[in-house]
C-alpha cells in the first residue's frame, strides 16, 4: 500500500475513534519517535505514523494495524479523560525537570536523593498510564473496538515501557542507597 494512502487510513482510523467516543481533540502528525501521545497542555493527540507502525510490529502476537491504532487511540483518549489531574501535576513535573537539568546527567543515577525524585516521577507517570488504560478499557467495553484479550495484550506491552525502566531504577536506587549506608557505617 502506498505510504500516503496508508497514512490517510491511519489518520482516518484515529479520527473515527475520536468521533465515536464523542471527543473533540485535534490530531497532529509529528516525527518525534513516539508512536502516539496526548499533549494535555494543548489538549490534542499526536501521532508519528512511521513509529506507530513499527511499535505494532514489536508486539509478541499478531494484531491488525487498524486494531492497534484504535486501541492506542482509546488509550490517548484515556489520558484526555484525566486531563485535570495531568494539569495539576505540571508544577511538580517542571520542578523535577529543573532539578534534573541543574545537575550533570551522570549524577542522576549516583545520588540517592535525586534518584528518589526520579523514581517518584516515574511512579507518577506510571499511575497516569494505568489510569489512562482504565479509561480506555471502559471505552473499549462501551464501543467494542476489540476483544478483551487483544486489548489486555496491547495494554501490557504499552505499560511495560513504563514499568521496566521504573523497576531498573528502583533496583539501582536500592544498590546506591545500600552503598551510601555502607560508606557512612
N, C-alpha and C. Protein backbone atom coordinates (compact mmCIF):
# COMPACT_ATOMS: atom_id res chain seq x y z
N UNK A 1 0.85 -1.17 0.00
CA UNK A 1 0.00 0.00 0.00
C UNK A 1 0.90 1.23 0.00
N UNK A 2 0.56 2.19 -0.84
CA UNK A 2 1.37 3.40 -0.90
C UNK A 2 1.32 4.12 0.44
N UNK A 3 2.46 4.77 0.76
CA UNK A 3 2.57 5.44 2.05
C UNK A 3 1.48 6.47 2.28
N UNK A 4 1.18 7.29 1.30
CA UNK A 4 0.19 8.35 1.51
C UNK A 4 -1.21 7.76 1.76
N UNK A 5 -1.51 6.66 1.09
CA UNK A 5 -2.81 6.01 1.31
C UNK A 5 -2.85 5.41 2.71
N UNK A 6 -1.77 4.73 3.11
CA UNK A 6 -1.70 4.13 4.44
C UNK A 6 -1.76 5.22 5.52
N UNK A 7 -1.03 6.31 5.31
CA UNK A 7 -1.05 7.42 6.28
C UNK A 7 -2.47 7.96 6.43
N UNK A 8 -3.15 8.15 5.32
CA UNK A 8 -4.52 8.66 5.38
C UNK A 8 -5.44 7.68 6.10
N UNK A 9 -5.24 6.40 5.88
CA UNK A 9 -6.05 5.40 6.59
C UNK A 9 -5.81 5.47 8.09
N UNK A 10 -4.56 5.56 8.48
CA UNK A 10 -4.23 5.64 9.91
C UNK A 10 -4.87 6.88 10.53
N UNK A 11 -4.72 8.00 9.88
CA UNK A 11 -5.33 9.24 10.37
C UNK A 11 -6.86 9.06 10.45
N UNK A 12 -7.42 8.44 9.46
CA UNK A 12 -8.86 8.19 9.45
C UNK A 12 -9.30 7.30 10.60
N UNK A 13 -8.54 6.24 10.89
CA UNK A 13 -8.86 5.35 12.00
C UNK A 13 -8.83 6.11 13.33
N UNK A 14 -7.82 6.94 13.50
CA UNK A 14 -7.70 7.71 14.74
C UNK A 14 -8.89 8.67 14.87
N UNK A 15 -9.16 9.40 13.81
CA UNK A 15 -10.27 10.36 13.85
C UNK A 15 -11.61 9.67 14.07
N UNK A 16 -11.77 8.46 13.51
CA UNK A 16 -13.05 7.77 13.70
C UNK A 16 -13.26 7.37 15.17
N UNK A 17 -12.19 7.00 15.86
CA UNK A 17 -12.30 6.66 17.29
C UNK A 17 -12.55 7.93 18.11
N UNK A 18 -11.89 9.01 17.75
CA UNK A 18 -12.13 10.28 18.45
C UNK A 18 -13.61 10.66 18.32
N UNK A 19 -14.15 10.55 17.11
CA UNK A 19 -15.56 10.89 16.88
C UNK A 19 -16.49 9.90 17.57
N UNK A 20 -16.19 8.60 17.47
CA UNK A 20 -17.03 7.57 18.08
C UNK A 20 -17.20 7.79 19.57
N UNK A 21 -16.15 8.26 20.22
CA UNK A 21 -16.16 8.46 21.67
C UNK A 21 -16.61 9.87 22.06
N UNK A 22 -17.08 10.63 21.08
CA UNK A 22 -17.59 11.98 21.32
C UNK A 22 -16.55 12.93 21.91
N UNK A 23 -15.33 12.77 21.48
CA UNK A 23 -14.27 13.68 21.88
C UNK A 23 -14.06 14.69 20.76
N UNK A 24 -13.53 15.83 21.13
CA UNK A 24 -13.24 16.88 20.15
C UNK A 24 -11.80 17.32 20.32
N UNK A 25 -10.88 16.44 19.94
CA UNK A 25 -9.46 16.73 20.05
C UNK A 25 -8.86 16.87 18.68
N UNK A 26 -7.87 17.76 18.58
CA UNK A 26 -7.11 17.86 17.35
C UNK A 26 -6.13 16.71 17.28
N UNK A 27 -5.79 16.34 16.07
CA UNK A 27 -4.78 15.31 15.81
C UNK A 27 -3.64 15.96 15.06
N UNK A 28 -2.42 15.76 15.58
CA UNK A 28 -1.24 16.37 14.99
C UNK A 28 -0.25 15.27 14.63
N UNK A 29 0.24 15.28 13.40
CA UNK A 29 1.30 14.36 13.00
C UNK A 29 2.64 14.95 13.38
N UNK A 30 3.55 14.07 13.83
CA UNK A 30 4.90 14.51 14.17
C UNK A 30 5.87 13.37 13.85
N UNK A 31 7.13 13.65 14.02
CA UNK A 31 8.18 12.65 13.79
C UNK A 31 9.11 12.61 14.99
N UNK A 32 8.54 12.47 16.18
CA UNK A 32 9.32 12.51 17.42
C UNK A 32 9.75 11.14 17.91
N UNK A 33 9.36 10.08 17.19
CA UNK A 33 9.73 8.75 17.62
C UNK A 33 8.83 8.17 18.70
N UNK A 34 7.75 8.86 19.02
CA UNK A 34 6.77 8.39 20.00
C UNK A 34 5.53 8.02 19.20
N UNK A 35 5.12 6.75 19.30
CA UNK A 35 4.04 6.29 18.41
C UNK A 35 2.79 7.16 18.52
N UNK A 36 2.25 7.29 19.72
CA UNK A 36 1.10 8.18 19.93
C UNK A 36 1.28 8.83 21.28
N UNK A 37 0.75 10.03 21.41
CA UNK A 37 0.87 10.75 22.67
C UNK A 37 -0.31 11.70 22.82
N UNK A 38 -0.57 12.04 24.08
CA UNK A 38 -1.59 13.03 24.38
C UNK A 38 -0.88 14.23 24.99
N UNK A 39 -1.06 15.39 24.39
CA UNK A 39 -0.50 16.62 24.91
C UNK A 39 -1.58 17.30 25.74
N UNK A 40 -1.47 17.18 27.07
CA UNK A 40 -2.52 17.70 27.93
C UNK A 40 -2.52 19.21 28.03
N UNK A 41 -1.43 19.84 27.72
CA UNK A 41 -1.40 21.31 27.74
C UNK A 41 -2.22 21.86 26.57
N UNK A 42 -2.02 21.30 25.38
CA UNK A 42 -2.73 21.75 24.19
C UNK A 42 -3.99 20.93 23.91
N UNK A 43 -4.22 19.89 24.71
CA UNK A 43 -5.40 19.03 24.59
C UNK A 43 -5.54 18.47 23.18
N UNK A 44 -4.49 17.76 22.75
CA UNK A 44 -4.50 17.15 21.41
C UNK A 44 -3.70 15.86 21.40
N UNK A 45 -3.99 15.04 20.43
CA UNK A 45 -3.29 13.78 20.24
C UNK A 45 -2.26 13.95 19.15
N UNK A 46 -1.09 13.37 19.38
CA UNK A 46 -0.04 13.37 18.37
C UNK A 46 0.23 11.95 17.91
N UNK A 47 0.62 11.82 16.67
CA UNK A 47 0.96 10.50 16.14
C UNK A 47 2.16 10.61 15.22
N UNK A 48 3.08 9.68 15.41
CA UNK A 48 4.20 9.51 14.50
C UNK A 48 3.83 8.28 13.66
N UNK A 49 3.40 8.53 12.43
CA UNK A 49 2.86 7.48 11.57
C UNK A 49 3.86 6.32 11.39
N UNK A 50 5.12 6.64 11.15
CA UNK A 50 6.12 5.59 10.95
C UNK A 50 6.33 4.80 12.25
N UNK A 51 6.45 5.50 13.36
CA UNK A 51 6.73 4.83 14.64
C UNK A 51 5.56 3.96 15.10
N UNK A 52 4.33 4.41 14.89
CA UNK A 52 3.19 3.62 15.35
C UNK A 52 3.11 2.29 14.60
N UNK A 53 3.52 2.29 13.35
CA UNK A 53 3.54 1.05 12.58
C UNK A 53 4.65 0.11 13.08
N UNK A 54 5.80 0.69 13.42
CA UNK A 54 6.90 -0.10 13.97
C UNK A 54 6.52 -0.67 15.33
N UNK A 55 5.88 0.15 16.16
CA UNK A 55 5.51 -0.28 17.51
C UNK A 55 4.57 -1.47 17.47
N UNK A 56 3.65 -1.47 16.55
CA UNK A 56 2.72 -2.60 16.43
C UNK A 56 3.49 -3.88 16.12
N UNK A 57 4.53 -3.79 15.33
CA UNK A 57 5.33 -4.97 14.97
C UNK A 57 6.16 -5.49 16.14
N UNK A 58 6.32 -4.68 17.19
CA UNK A 58 7.09 -5.09 18.36
C UNK A 58 6.28 -5.97 19.31
N UNK A 59 5.00 -6.05 19.07
CA UNK A 59 4.15 -6.90 19.91
C UNK A 59 4.54 -8.36 19.74
N UNK A 60 4.37 -9.14 20.78
CA UNK A 60 4.74 -10.55 20.73
C UNK A 60 3.66 -11.41 20.08
N UNK A 61 2.63 -10.80 19.56
CA UNK A 61 1.50 -11.51 18.98
C UNK A 61 0.98 -10.68 17.80
N UNK A 62 0.37 -11.32 16.84
CA UNK A 62 -0.12 -10.56 15.68
C UNK A 62 -1.40 -9.79 15.99
N UNK A 63 -1.39 -8.52 15.64
CA UNK A 63 -2.56 -7.65 15.79
C UNK A 63 -2.67 -6.82 14.52
N UNK A 64 -3.86 -6.72 13.99
CA UNK A 64 -4.07 -5.89 12.80
C UNK A 64 -3.69 -4.45 13.12
N UNK A 65 -3.08 -3.79 12.15
CA UNK A 65 -2.68 -2.40 12.36
C UNK A 65 -3.87 -1.54 12.78
N UNK A 66 -5.00 -1.72 12.14
CA UNK A 66 -6.19 -0.93 12.48
C UNK A 66 -6.57 -1.12 13.94
N UNK A 67 -6.57 -2.35 14.41
CA UNK A 67 -6.92 -2.63 15.81
C UNK A 67 -5.93 -1.97 16.75
N UNK A 68 -4.65 -2.09 16.44
CA UNK A 68 -3.61 -1.48 17.28
C UNK A 68 -3.80 0.03 17.35
N UNK A 69 -4.02 0.65 16.22
CA UNK A 69 -4.22 2.10 16.17
C UNK A 69 -5.45 2.50 16.98
N UNK A 70 -6.52 1.76 16.82
CA UNK A 70 -7.76 2.10 17.53
C UNK A 70 -7.59 1.95 19.05
N UNK A 71 -6.94 0.89 19.49
CA UNK A 71 -6.73 0.69 20.92
C UNK A 71 -5.80 1.76 21.48
N UNK A 72 -4.74 2.07 20.77
CA UNK A 72 -3.83 3.13 21.24
C UNK A 72 -4.53 4.49 21.26
N UNK A 73 -5.44 4.70 20.33
CA UNK A 73 -6.21 5.95 20.34
C UNK A 73 -7.10 6.00 21.58
N UNK A 74 -7.74 4.88 21.91
CA UNK A 74 -8.53 4.83 23.15
C UNK A 74 -7.66 5.18 24.36
N UNK A 75 -6.43 4.65 24.36
CA UNK A 75 -5.51 4.94 25.46
C UNK A 75 -5.21 6.44 25.55
N UNK A 76 -4.93 7.06 24.42
CA UNK A 76 -4.65 8.50 24.44
C UNK A 76 -5.89 9.29 24.87
N UNK A 77 -7.05 8.84 24.47
CA UNK A 77 -8.30 9.47 24.93
C UNK A 77 -8.48 9.25 26.42
N UNK A 78 -7.96 8.14 26.93
CA UNK A 78 -7.97 7.90 28.38
C UNK A 78 -7.17 8.96 29.12
N UNK A 79 -6.06 9.38 28.53
CA UNK A 79 -5.30 10.49 29.12
C UNK A 79 -6.13 11.78 29.08
N UNK A 80 -6.83 12.00 27.98
CA UNK A 80 -7.65 13.21 27.87
C UNK A 80 -8.72 13.23 28.96
N UNK A 81 -9.26 12.06 29.29
CA UNK A 81 -10.27 11.99 30.35
C UNK A 81 -9.68 12.35 31.71
N UNK A 82 -8.37 12.24 31.83
CA UNK A 82 -7.66 12.51 33.09
C UNK A 82 -6.91 13.84 33.02
N UNK A 83 -7.31 14.70 32.11
CA UNK A 83 -6.57 15.94 31.84
C UNK A 83 -6.39 16.82 33.08
N UNK A 84 -7.42 16.95 33.89
CA UNK A 84 -7.31 17.82 35.08
C UNK A 84 -6.20 17.36 36.01
N UNK A 85 -6.11 16.06 36.24
CA UNK A 85 -5.04 15.54 37.09
C UNK A 85 -3.67 15.77 36.45
N UNK A 86 -3.60 15.60 35.14
CA UNK A 86 -2.33 15.85 34.44
C UNK A 86 -1.93 17.31 34.58
N UNK A 87 -2.88 18.22 34.43
CA UNK A 87 -2.58 19.65 34.58
C UNK A 87 -2.14 19.97 36.01
N UNK A 88 -2.76 19.32 36.98
CA UNK A 88 -2.38 19.55 38.39
C UNK A 88 -0.96 19.07 38.67
N UNK A 89 -0.48 18.09 37.90
CA UNK A 89 0.87 17.55 38.11
C UNK A 89 1.95 18.42 37.47
N UNK A 90 1.55 19.36 36.65
CA UNK A 90 2.53 20.14 35.88
C UNK A 90 3.56 20.87 36.76
N UNK A 91 3.16 21.54 37.85
CA UNK A 91 4.20 22.20 38.66
C UNK A 91 5.26 21.23 39.18
N UNK A 92 4.85 20.04 39.60
CA UNK A 92 5.82 19.06 40.09
C UNK A 92 6.71 18.56 38.95
N UNK A 93 6.11 18.36 37.78
CA UNK A 93 6.88 17.92 36.62
C UNK A 93 7.94 18.95 36.25
N UNK A 94 7.57 20.21 36.28
CA UNK A 94 8.52 21.29 35.98
C UNK A 94 9.61 21.34 37.04
N UNK A 95 9.24 21.17 38.29
CA UNK A 95 10.21 21.18 39.39
C UNK A 95 11.24 20.05 39.21
N UNK A 96 10.78 18.86 38.88
CA UNK A 96 11.69 17.73 38.67
C UNK A 96 12.56 17.97 37.45
N UNK A 97 11.96 18.47 36.38
CA UNK A 97 12.72 18.78 35.17
C UNK A 97 13.85 19.77 35.48
N UNK A 98 13.54 20.83 36.18
CA UNK A 98 14.54 21.84 36.52
C UNK A 98 15.63 21.26 37.43
N UNK A 99 15.23 20.41 38.36
CA UNK A 99 16.20 19.79 39.25
C UNK A 99 17.16 18.91 38.45
N UNK A 100 16.63 18.11 37.55
CA UNK A 100 17.48 17.23 36.74
C UNK A 100 18.40 18.04 35.83
N UNK A 101 17.93 19.15 35.31
CA UNK A 101 18.76 19.99 34.44
C UNK A 101 19.84 20.74 35.22
N UNK A 102 19.66 20.89 36.53
CA UNK A 102 20.60 21.68 37.33
C UNK A 102 21.85 20.90 37.74
N UNK A 103 21.84 19.60 37.49
CA UNK A 103 22.99 18.77 37.86
C UNK A 103 23.44 17.97 36.65
N UNK A 104 24.70 17.57 36.61
CA UNK A 104 25.17 16.75 35.48
C UNK A 104 24.34 15.47 35.36
N UNK A 105 24.07 15.07 34.12
CA UNK A 105 23.21 13.92 33.88
C UNK A 105 23.74 12.64 34.51
N UNK A 106 25.06 12.47 34.54
CA UNK A 106 25.60 11.24 35.11
C UNK A 106 25.37 11.14 36.62
N UNK A 107 25.07 12.25 37.28
CA UNK A 107 24.81 12.20 38.72
C UNK A 107 23.37 11.77 39.03
N UNK A 108 22.51 11.77 38.02
CA UNK A 108 21.11 11.37 38.24
C UNK A 108 21.03 9.97 38.84
N UNK A 109 21.96 9.14 38.48
CA UNK A 109 21.88 7.74 38.88
C UNK A 109 22.94 7.35 39.91
N UNK A 110 23.59 8.36 40.51
CA UNK A 110 24.56 8.11 41.58
C UNK A 110 24.11 8.70 42.90
N UNK A 111 23.31 9.73 42.84
CA UNK A 111 22.84 10.44 44.04
C UNK A 111 21.51 9.83 44.49
N UNK A 112 21.47 9.17 45.66
CA UNK A 112 20.23 8.52 46.07
C UNK A 112 19.06 9.50 46.23
N UNK A 113 19.35 10.72 46.64
CA UNK A 113 18.25 11.70 46.80
C UNK A 113 17.64 12.07 45.45
N UNK A 114 18.49 12.30 44.47
CA UNK A 114 18.00 12.64 43.13
C UNK A 114 17.33 11.43 42.49
N UNK A 115 17.89 10.27 42.69
CA UNK A 115 17.29 9.05 42.15
C UNK A 115 15.91 8.81 42.76
N UNK A 116 15.75 9.15 44.01
CA UNK A 116 14.43 9.02 44.66
C UNK A 116 13.41 9.95 44.00
N UNK A 117 13.83 11.16 43.66
CA UNK A 117 12.95 12.10 42.97
C UNK A 117 12.57 11.56 41.59
N UNK A 118 13.54 11.01 40.88
CA UNK A 118 13.30 10.43 39.56
C UNK A 118 12.32 9.26 39.67
N UNK A 119 12.51 8.42 40.68
CA UNK A 119 11.59 7.29 40.90
C UNK A 119 10.17 7.77 41.19
N UNK A 120 10.07 8.81 42.01
CA UNK A 120 8.74 9.36 42.31
C UNK A 120 8.06 9.86 41.04
N UNK A 121 8.84 10.50 40.18
CA UNK A 121 8.27 11.00 38.92
C UNK A 121 7.86 9.84 38.02
N UNK A 122 8.71 8.82 37.94
CA UNK A 122 8.37 7.65 37.12
C UNK A 122 7.12 6.95 37.65
N UNK A 123 7.00 6.87 38.96
CA UNK A 123 5.83 6.23 39.56
C UNK A 123 4.57 7.05 39.26
N UNK A 124 4.68 8.37 39.33
CA UNK A 124 3.56 9.24 38.99
C UNK A 124 3.15 9.02 37.53
N UNK A 125 4.12 8.96 36.65
CA UNK A 125 3.82 8.74 35.23
C UNK A 125 3.20 7.37 34.99
N UNK A 126 3.69 6.37 35.71
CA UNK A 126 3.13 5.03 35.59
C UNK A 126 1.67 5.02 36.05
N UNK A 127 1.37 5.73 37.11
CA UNK A 127 -0.02 5.81 37.58
C UNK A 127 -0.90 6.52 36.55
N UNK A 128 -0.38 7.55 35.90
CA UNK A 128 -1.15 8.21 34.84
C UNK A 128 -1.40 7.25 33.69
N UNK A 129 -0.41 6.43 33.37
CA UNK A 129 -0.59 5.44 32.30
C UNK A 129 -1.66 4.42 32.68
N UNK A 130 -1.60 3.92 33.89
CA UNK A 130 -2.60 2.95 34.34
C UNK A 130 -4.01 3.55 34.34
N UNK A 131 -4.11 4.79 34.76
CA UNK A 131 -5.41 5.47 34.76
C UNK A 131 -5.93 5.62 33.34
N UNK A 132 -5.06 6.01 32.42
CA UNK A 132 -5.47 6.16 31.02
C UNK A 132 -5.95 4.82 30.46
N UNK A 133 -5.25 3.74 30.83
CA UNK A 133 -5.68 2.43 30.36
C UNK A 133 -7.01 2.00 30.97
N UNK A 134 -7.27 2.39 32.22
CA UNK A 134 -8.59 2.08 32.81
C UNK A 134 -9.70 2.81 32.05
N UNK A 135 -9.45 4.08 31.72
CA UNK A 135 -10.43 4.83 30.92
C UNK A 135 -10.61 4.18 29.55
N UNK A 136 -9.49 3.78 28.95
CA UNK A 136 -9.55 3.14 27.62
C UNK A 136 -10.33 1.83 27.69
N UNK A 137 -10.14 1.09 28.76
CA UNK A 137 -10.86 -0.18 28.92
C UNK A 137 -12.37 0.07 28.99
N UNK A 138 -12.76 1.11 29.70
CA UNK A 138 -14.18 1.46 29.79
C UNK A 138 -14.73 1.81 28.41
N UNK A 139 -13.98 2.61 27.65
CA UNK A 139 -14.42 2.97 26.30
C UNK A 139 -14.47 1.76 25.39
N UNK A 140 -13.50 0.86 25.53
CA UNK A 140 -13.50 -0.35 24.71
C UNK A 140 -14.71 -1.22 25.03
N UNK A 141 -15.04 -1.34 26.29
CA UNK A 141 -16.22 -2.12 26.68
C UNK A 141 -17.49 -1.51 26.11
N UNK A 142 -17.55 -0.20 26.14
CA UNK A 142 -18.73 0.51 25.64
C UNK A 142 -18.86 0.40 24.12
N UNK A 143 -17.76 0.56 23.41
CA UNK A 143 -17.79 0.63 21.95
C UNK A 143 -17.35 -0.66 21.24
N UNK A 144 -16.88 -1.65 22.01
CA UNK A 144 -16.49 -2.95 21.46
C UNK A 144 -15.52 -2.83 20.28
N UNK A 145 -14.41 -2.13 20.52
CA UNK A 145 -13.39 -1.93 19.49
C UNK A 145 -12.65 -3.24 19.23
N UNK A 146 -12.29 -3.94 20.30
CA UNK A 146 -11.60 -5.23 20.16
C UNK A 146 -11.94 -6.12 21.34
N UNK A 147 -11.56 -7.37 21.24
CA UNK A 147 -11.83 -8.32 22.32
C UNK A 147 -10.92 -8.03 23.52
N UNK A 148 -11.30 -8.52 24.67
CA UNK A 148 -10.57 -8.25 25.90
C UNK A 148 -9.13 -8.77 25.87
N UNK A 149 -8.91 -9.94 25.30
CA UNK A 149 -7.55 -10.49 25.26
C UNK A 149 -6.61 -9.63 24.44
N UNK A 150 -7.07 -9.16 23.28
CA UNK A 150 -6.24 -8.30 22.45
C UNK A 150 -5.97 -6.98 23.17
N UNK A 151 -7.02 -6.41 23.75
CA UNK A 151 -6.88 -5.16 24.49
C UNK A 151 -5.85 -5.33 25.61
N UNK A 152 -6.00 -6.38 26.40
CA UNK A 152 -5.09 -6.62 27.52
C UNK A 152 -3.65 -6.79 27.06
N UNK A 153 -3.45 -7.48 25.97
CA UNK A 153 -2.10 -7.70 25.45
C UNK A 153 -1.45 -6.39 25.01
N UNK A 154 -2.21 -5.54 24.34
CA UNK A 154 -1.67 -4.24 23.92
C UNK A 154 -1.37 -3.39 25.14
N UNK A 155 -2.29 -3.41 26.12
CA UNK A 155 -2.08 -2.63 27.35
C UNK A 155 -0.82 -3.09 28.07
N UNK A 156 -0.65 -4.40 28.23
CA UNK A 156 0.53 -4.93 28.94
C UNK A 156 1.82 -4.54 28.23
N UNK A 157 1.82 -4.62 26.92
CA UNK A 157 3.01 -4.24 26.15
C UNK A 157 3.33 -2.76 26.36
N UNK A 158 2.30 -1.94 26.31
CA UNK A 158 2.49 -0.50 26.48
C UNK A 158 2.96 -0.17 27.90
N UNK A 159 2.33 -0.75 28.90
CA UNK A 159 2.72 -0.47 30.29
C UNK A 159 4.14 -0.92 30.59
N UNK A 160 4.59 -1.97 29.94
CA UNK A 160 5.95 -2.47 30.17
C UNK A 160 6.99 -1.40 29.87
N UNK A 161 6.70 -0.53 28.92
CA UNK A 161 7.66 0.53 28.58
C UNK A 161 7.80 1.56 29.69
N UNK A 162 6.89 1.56 30.66
CA UNK A 162 6.99 2.42 31.84
C UNK A 162 7.43 1.62 33.06
N UNK A 163 6.94 0.39 33.16
CA UNK A 163 7.24 -0.42 34.33
C UNK A 163 8.69 -0.88 34.37
N UNK A 164 9.23 -1.28 33.24
CA UNK A 164 10.60 -1.81 33.22
C UNK A 164 11.64 -0.74 33.61
N UNK A 165 11.59 0.46 33.04
CA UNK A 165 12.56 1.48 33.48
C UNK A 165 12.40 1.83 34.97
N UNK A 166 11.15 1.82 35.45
CA UNK A 166 10.94 2.10 36.88
C UNK A 166 11.59 1.00 37.72
N UNK A 167 11.37 -0.26 37.36
CA UNK A 167 11.95 -1.37 38.11
C UNK A 167 13.47 -1.33 38.08
N UNK A 168 14.04 -0.99 36.91
CA UNK A 168 15.50 -0.89 36.80
C UNK A 168 16.04 0.20 37.72
N UNK A 169 15.38 1.36 37.72
CA UNK A 169 15.83 2.46 38.57
C UNK A 169 15.61 2.16 40.04
N UNK A 170 14.57 1.41 40.36
CA UNK A 170 14.34 1.03 41.76
C UNK A 170 15.46 0.11 42.25
N UNK A 171 15.84 -0.86 41.42
CA UNK A 171 16.95 -1.73 41.79
C UNK A 171 18.25 -0.92 41.95
N UNK A 172 18.48 0.02 41.02
CA UNK A 172 19.66 0.87 41.10
C UNK A 172 19.62 1.71 42.38
N UNK A 173 18.47 2.27 42.70
CA UNK A 173 18.30 3.08 43.91
C UNK A 173 18.65 2.26 45.15
N UNK A 174 18.16 1.03 45.20
CA UNK A 174 18.44 0.17 46.35
C UNK A 174 19.93 -0.10 46.48
N UNK A 175 20.62 -0.30 45.34
CA UNK A 175 22.07 -0.51 45.38
C UNK A 175 22.80 0.76 45.82
N UNK A 176 22.41 1.91 45.24
CA UNK A 176 23.07 3.18 45.58
C UNK A 176 22.84 3.51 47.06
N UNK A 177 21.63 3.28 47.52
CA UNK A 177 21.31 3.54 48.93
C UNK A 177 22.13 2.62 49.84
N UNK A 178 22.20 1.34 49.47
CA UNK A 178 22.99 0.39 50.27
C UNK A 178 24.46 0.80 50.29
N UNK A 179 24.98 1.24 49.14
CA UNK A 179 26.38 1.68 49.07
C UNK A 179 26.60 2.91 49.93
N UNK A 180 25.65 3.84 49.94
CA UNK A 180 25.83 5.06 50.73
C UNK A 180 25.72 4.77 52.22
N UNK A 181 24.92 3.78 52.59
CA UNK A 181 24.82 3.39 54.01
C UNK A 181 26.13 2.71 54.43
N UNK A 182 26.69 1.87 53.54
CA UNK A 182 27.96 1.22 53.82
C UNK A 182 29.06 2.24 54.05
N UNK A 183 29.07 3.29 53.25
CA UNK A 183 30.11 4.32 53.36
C UNK A 183 30.01 5.08 54.67
N UNK A 184 28.79 5.25 55.17
CA UNK A 184 28.62 6.01 56.42
C UNK A 184 28.75 5.12 57.64
N UNK A 185 28.73 3.82 57.46
CA UNK A 185 28.82 2.90 58.63
C UNK A 185 30.23 2.74 59.13
